[in-house]
Each structure stands twice: as C-alpha cells, then as structure tokens.
C-alpha cells in the first residue's frame, strides 16, 4: 500500500475535514489504487503556499476513464452540461 501526496485548495480541504466531501476528482497522471492512503496537503488559494495542515484518507474504489470512453452522451451534451461525481453513502 502506497502513500500518495497531493495538494488541495483550502475550500476543498475544509469540506473534506468536515466530512462533507467524500470523493476526489483528479487528472489520471499518477498511480493510485484501492487501499492506498491519499495524503492531502492544504494550499492557500492566494499565495499557493502550503498552510501546514494535512489530512490522510484511505482510498476506496478508484474509477479511471477517458472522455472517449464516455459513450453514454453526445459530445455536445458533455460540453454543455459537464459531469457530476456522486458519492454513495
């Protein structure tokens, strides 16, 4: 099991700390798997510097996809409406 460090803006960090944000959307430019630990370090949105606060979260399901794999909707619908990620409790 790996520990993966990533930065997160204060707005999202606060929601994660409060337990309201129970998912993370990231560009698929690093390896992460179920059971790994995601170490999120808070970044000040103005200065872009680390605040010194961090939180560790165990990784559950990891879904990876590319936009061309999203054949459920047309390109026009995806551009117009965007996407949602829905956390199931």
N, C-alpha and C. Protein backbone atom coordinates (compact mmCIF):
# COMPACT_ATOMS: atom_id res chain seq x y z
N UNK A 1 0.84 -1.19 0.00
CA UNK A 1 0.00 0.00 0.00
C UNK A 1 0.89 1.25 0.00
N UNK A 2 0.54 2.18 -0.85
CA UNK A 2 1.34 3.39 -1.02
C UNK A 2 0.69 4.59 -0.33
N UNK A 3 1.51 5.60 -0.05
CA UNK A 3 1.03 6.90 0.42
C UNK A 3 1.28 7.88 -0.71
N UNK A 4 0.22 8.52 -1.19
CA UNK A 4 0.31 9.45 -2.30
C UNK A 4 0.00 10.85 -1.78
N UNK A 5 0.94 11.79 -1.97
CA UNK A 5 0.76 13.18 -1.53
C UNK A 5 0.21 14.01 -2.66
N UNK A 6 -0.82 14.80 -2.36
CA UNK A 6 -1.39 15.73 -3.33
C UNK A 6 -1.78 17.01 -2.59
N UNK A 7 -1.77 18.10 -3.32
CA UNK A 7 -2.16 19.39 -2.76
C UNK A 7 -3.64 19.63 -3.04
N UNK A 8 -4.29 20.38 -2.14
CA UNK A 8 -5.70 20.70 -2.31
C UNK A 8 -5.96 22.10 -1.75
N UNK A 9 -6.73 22.90 -2.48
CA UNK A 9 -7.06 24.25 -2.03
C UNK A 9 -7.88 24.23 -0.74
N UNK A 10 -7.79 25.31 0.01
CA UNK A 10 -8.45 25.44 1.31
C UNK A 10 -9.94 25.14 1.23
N UNK A 11 -10.62 25.65 0.21
CA UNK A 11 -12.07 25.44 0.07
C UNK A 11 -12.41 23.94 0.12
N UNK A 12 -11.70 23.14 -0.63
CA UNK A 12 -11.97 21.70 -0.68
C UNK A 12 -11.44 21.01 0.56
N UNK A 13 -10.30 21.47 1.06
CA UNK A 13 -9.72 20.89 2.28
C UNK A 13 -10.71 20.98 3.44
N UNK A 14 -11.32 22.14 3.60
CA UNK A 14 -12.29 22.35 4.68
C UNK A 14 -13.47 21.39 4.56
N UNK A 15 -13.97 21.18 3.34
CA UNK A 15 -15.09 20.28 3.12
C UNK A 15 -14.71 18.83 3.42
N UNK A 16 -13.49 18.45 3.09
CA UNK A 16 -13.01 17.10 3.40
C UNK A 16 -12.88 16.94 4.91
N UNK A 17 -12.31 17.94 5.59
CA UNK A 17 -12.15 17.90 7.04
C UNK A 17 -13.51 17.77 7.74
N UNK A 18 -14.53 18.45 7.19
CA UNK A 18 -15.86 18.43 7.79
C UNK A 18 -16.62 17.13 7.48
N UNK A 19 -16.06 16.31 6.59
CA UNK A 19 -16.71 15.06 6.23
C UNK A 19 -17.78 15.20 5.16
N UNK A 20 -17.89 16.40 4.56
CA UNK A 20 -18.91 16.63 3.53
C UNK A 20 -18.45 16.19 2.14
N UNK A 21 -17.18 16.32 1.87
CA UNK A 21 -16.63 15.94 0.56
C UNK A 21 -15.94 14.59 0.74
N UNK A 22 -16.55 13.56 0.18
CA UNK A 22 -16.07 12.20 0.39
C UNK A 22 -15.60 11.56 -0.91
N UNK A 23 -15.09 12.37 -1.80
CA UNK A 23 -14.56 11.91 -3.08
C UNK A 23 -13.45 12.84 -3.50
N UNK A 24 -12.69 12.46 -4.49
CA UNK A 24 -11.64 13.33 -5.03
C UNK A 24 -11.58 13.10 -6.54
N UNK A 25 -11.65 14.16 -7.30
CA UNK A 25 -11.54 14.11 -8.75
C UNK A 25 -10.16 14.62 -9.13
N UNK A 26 -9.39 13.80 -9.81
CA UNK A 26 -8.02 14.16 -10.18
C UNK A 26 -7.71 13.73 -11.60
N UNK A 27 -6.80 14.44 -12.22
CA UNK A 27 -6.27 14.02 -13.50
C UNK A 27 -5.55 12.69 -13.30
N UNK A 28 -5.72 11.78 -14.22
CA UNK A 28 -5.14 10.44 -14.09
C UNK A 28 -3.67 10.46 -14.52
N UNK A 29 -2.86 11.24 -13.81
CA UNK A 29 -1.43 11.37 -14.15
C UNK A 29 -0.52 10.77 -13.07
N UNK A 30 -1.11 9.92 -12.22
CA UNK A 30 -0.33 9.22 -11.20
C UNK A 30 -1.04 7.92 -10.87
N UNK A 31 -0.31 7.00 -10.29
CA UNK A 31 -0.86 5.69 -9.95
C UNK A 31 -1.43 5.73 -8.54
N UNK A 32 -2.66 5.29 -8.39
CA UNK A 32 -3.30 5.18 -7.08
C UNK A 32 -4.26 4.00 -7.13
N UNK A 33 -4.33 3.26 -6.05
CA UNK A 33 -5.14 2.05 -6.02
C UNK A 33 -5.92 1.94 -4.72
N UNK A 34 -6.95 1.13 -4.75
CA UNK A 34 -7.73 0.84 -3.56
C UNK A 34 -6.79 0.37 -2.45
N UNK A 35 -6.98 0.92 -1.25
CA UNK A 35 -6.15 0.55 -0.11
C UNK A 35 -4.99 1.50 0.13
N UNK A 36 -4.62 2.30 -0.88
CA UNK A 36 -3.56 3.29 -0.70
C UNK A 36 -4.06 4.38 0.25
N UNK A 37 -3.15 5.23 0.69
CA UNK A 37 -3.50 6.39 1.51
C UNK A 37 -3.24 7.65 0.71
N UNK A 38 -4.25 8.52 0.65
CA UNK A 38 -4.10 9.81 -0.01
C UNK A 38 -3.84 10.86 1.06
N UNK A 39 -2.65 11.46 1.01
CA UNK A 39 -2.26 12.50 1.95
C UNK A 39 -2.50 13.84 1.27
N UNK A 40 -3.53 14.54 1.72
CA UNK A 40 -3.90 15.82 1.11
C UNK A 40 -3.34 16.96 1.94
N UNK A 41 -2.54 17.81 1.28
CA UNK A 41 -1.91 18.95 1.93
C UNK A 41 -2.62 20.23 1.48
N UNK A 42 -3.05 21.01 2.45
CA UNK A 42 -3.78 22.24 2.16
C UNK A 42 -2.87 23.30 1.55
N UNK A 43 -3.38 23.95 0.50
CA UNK A 43 -2.66 25.03 -0.18
C UNK A 43 -3.51 26.30 -0.11
N UNK A 44 -2.89 27.40 0.29
CA UNK A 44 -3.57 28.69 0.30
C UNK A 44 -3.89 29.07 -1.14
N UNK A 45 -5.16 29.38 -1.46
CA UNK A 45 -5.53 29.67 -2.84
C UNK A 45 -4.94 30.97 -3.40
N UNK A 46 -4.52 31.87 -2.54
CA UNK A 46 -3.95 33.15 -2.98
C UNK A 46 -2.44 33.04 -3.15
N UNK A 47 -1.76 32.58 -2.10
CA UNK A 47 -0.29 32.53 -2.14
C UNK A 47 0.24 31.28 -2.82
N UNK A 48 -0.62 30.24 -2.92
CA UNK A 48 -0.24 28.93 -3.48
C UNK A 48 0.80 28.22 -2.62
N UNK A 49 0.94 28.64 -1.36
CA UNK A 49 1.88 28.01 -0.44
C UNK A 49 1.15 27.03 0.46
N UNK A 50 1.86 25.99 0.89
CA UNK A 50 1.30 25.04 1.83
C UNK A 50 1.01 25.73 3.16
N UNK A 51 -0.13 25.40 3.78
CA UNK A 51 -0.50 26.01 5.07
C UNK A 51 0.07 25.24 6.25
N UNK A 52 0.48 24.01 6.03
CA UNK A 52 0.97 23.17 7.12
C UNK A 52 -0.07 22.17 7.60
N UNK A 53 -1.31 22.33 7.14
CA UNK A 53 -2.36 21.38 7.51
C UNK A 53 -2.43 20.26 6.47
N UNK A 54 -2.72 19.06 6.93
CA UNK A 54 -2.88 17.94 6.03
C UNK A 54 -3.87 16.95 6.63
N UNK A 55 -4.37 16.08 5.79
CA UNK A 55 -5.30 15.04 6.22
C UNK A 55 -5.02 13.79 5.40
N UNK A 56 -5.10 12.65 6.05
CA UNK A 56 -4.91 11.37 5.36
C UNK A 56 -6.25 10.68 5.21
N UNK A 57 -6.49 10.14 4.01
CA UNK A 57 -7.72 9.40 3.73
C UNK A 57 -7.37 8.10 3.05
N UNK A 58 -7.98 7.03 3.50
CA UNK A 58 -7.78 5.73 2.86
C UNK A 58 -8.58 5.72 1.56
N UNK A 59 -7.98 5.16 0.51
CA UNK A 59 -8.60 5.13 -0.81
C UNK A 59 -9.51 3.91 -0.93
N UNK A 60 -10.75 4.16 -1.36
CA UNK A 60 -11.69 3.08 -1.66
C UNK A 60 -11.65 2.81 -3.16
N UNK A 61 -12.78 2.76 -3.78
CA UNK A 61 -12.88 2.49 -5.21
C UNK A 61 -12.20 3.59 -6.03
N UNK A 62 -11.46 3.20 -7.05
CA UNK A 62 -10.83 4.14 -7.97
C UNK A 62 -11.38 3.85 -9.36
N UNK A 63 -12.12 4.78 -9.92
CA UNK A 63 -12.64 4.64 -11.28
C UNK A 63 -11.82 5.49 -12.21
N UNK A 64 -11.31 4.89 -13.28
CA UNK A 64 -10.50 5.63 -14.25
C UNK A 64 -11.16 5.52 -15.61
N UNK A 65 -11.20 6.64 -16.33
CA UNK A 65 -11.78 6.61 -17.67
C UNK A 65 -11.22 7.77 -18.48
N UNK A 66 -11.38 7.67 -19.77
CA UNK A 66 -11.01 8.74 -20.70
C UNK A 66 -12.30 9.25 -21.34
N UNK A 67 -12.28 10.48 -21.80
CA UNK A 67 -13.52 11.06 -22.31
C UNK A 67 -14.09 10.30 -23.49
N UNK A 68 -13.24 9.71 -24.33
CA UNK A 68 -13.78 8.96 -25.47
C UNK A 68 -14.49 7.68 -25.05
N UNK A 69 -14.28 7.26 -23.79
CA UNK A 69 -14.97 6.09 -23.28
C UNK A 69 -16.37 6.42 -22.78
N UNK A 70 -16.69 7.70 -22.69
CA UNK A 70 -18.00 8.12 -22.20
C UNK A 70 -18.99 8.17 -23.36
N UNK A 71 -19.36 7.01 -23.81
CA UNK A 71 -20.23 6.91 -24.98
C UNK A 71 -21.70 7.06 -24.63
N UNK A 72 -22.01 7.31 -23.37
CA UNK A 72 -23.39 7.44 -22.94
C UNK A 72 -24.03 8.72 -23.44
N UNK A 73 -23.21 9.75 -23.65
CA UNK A 73 -23.72 11.05 -24.04
C UNK A 73 -23.01 11.55 -25.29
N UNK A 74 -23.63 12.49 -25.96
CA UNK A 74 -23.00 13.08 -27.14
C UNK A 74 -21.95 14.10 -26.69
N UNK A 75 -21.02 14.42 -27.58
CA UNK A 75 -20.00 15.44 -27.30
C UNK A 75 -20.66 16.77 -26.95
N UNK A 76 -21.75 17.09 -27.63
CA UNK A 76 -22.46 18.36 -27.38
C UNK A 76 -23.01 18.40 -25.96
N UNK A 77 -23.63 17.27 -25.52
CA UNK A 77 -24.18 17.22 -24.17
C UNK A 77 -23.08 17.34 -23.13
N UNK A 78 -21.96 16.66 -23.35
CA UNK A 78 -20.86 16.70 -22.39
C UNK A 78 -20.27 18.10 -22.29
N UNK A 79 -20.13 18.79 -23.43
CA UNK A 79 -19.59 20.16 -23.40
C UNK A 79 -20.56 21.12 -22.74
N UNK A 80 -21.85 20.96 -23.03
CA UNK A 80 -22.85 21.87 -22.49
C UNK A 80 -23.09 21.67 -21.00
N UNK A 81 -23.19 20.41 -20.57
CA UNK A 81 -23.63 20.13 -19.22
C UNK A 81 -22.52 19.72 -18.26
N UNK A 82 -21.38 19.26 -18.77
CA UNK A 82 -20.30 18.82 -17.90
C UNK A 82 -20.62 17.50 -17.22
N UNK A 83 -19.98 17.25 -16.09
CA UNK A 83 -20.12 15.98 -15.39
C UNK A 83 -20.41 16.21 -13.91
N UNK A 84 -20.95 15.20 -13.29
CA UNK A 84 -21.12 15.17 -11.83
C UNK A 84 -20.43 13.93 -11.32
N UNK A 85 -19.91 13.99 -10.13
CA UNK A 85 -19.45 12.79 -9.44
C UNK A 85 -20.36 12.68 -8.23
N UNK A 86 -20.97 11.52 -8.07
CA UNK A 86 -21.92 11.34 -7.00
C UNK A 86 -21.38 10.30 -6.03
N UNK A 87 -21.25 10.69 -4.79
CA UNK A 87 -20.78 9.77 -3.75
C UNK A 87 -21.97 9.05 -3.17
N UNK A 88 -21.89 7.75 -3.07
CA UNK A 88 -22.97 6.96 -2.50
C UNK A 88 -22.61 6.55 -1.08
N UNK A 89 -23.49 6.83 -0.13
CA UNK A 89 -23.24 6.51 1.28
C UNK A 89 -24.02 5.29 1.71
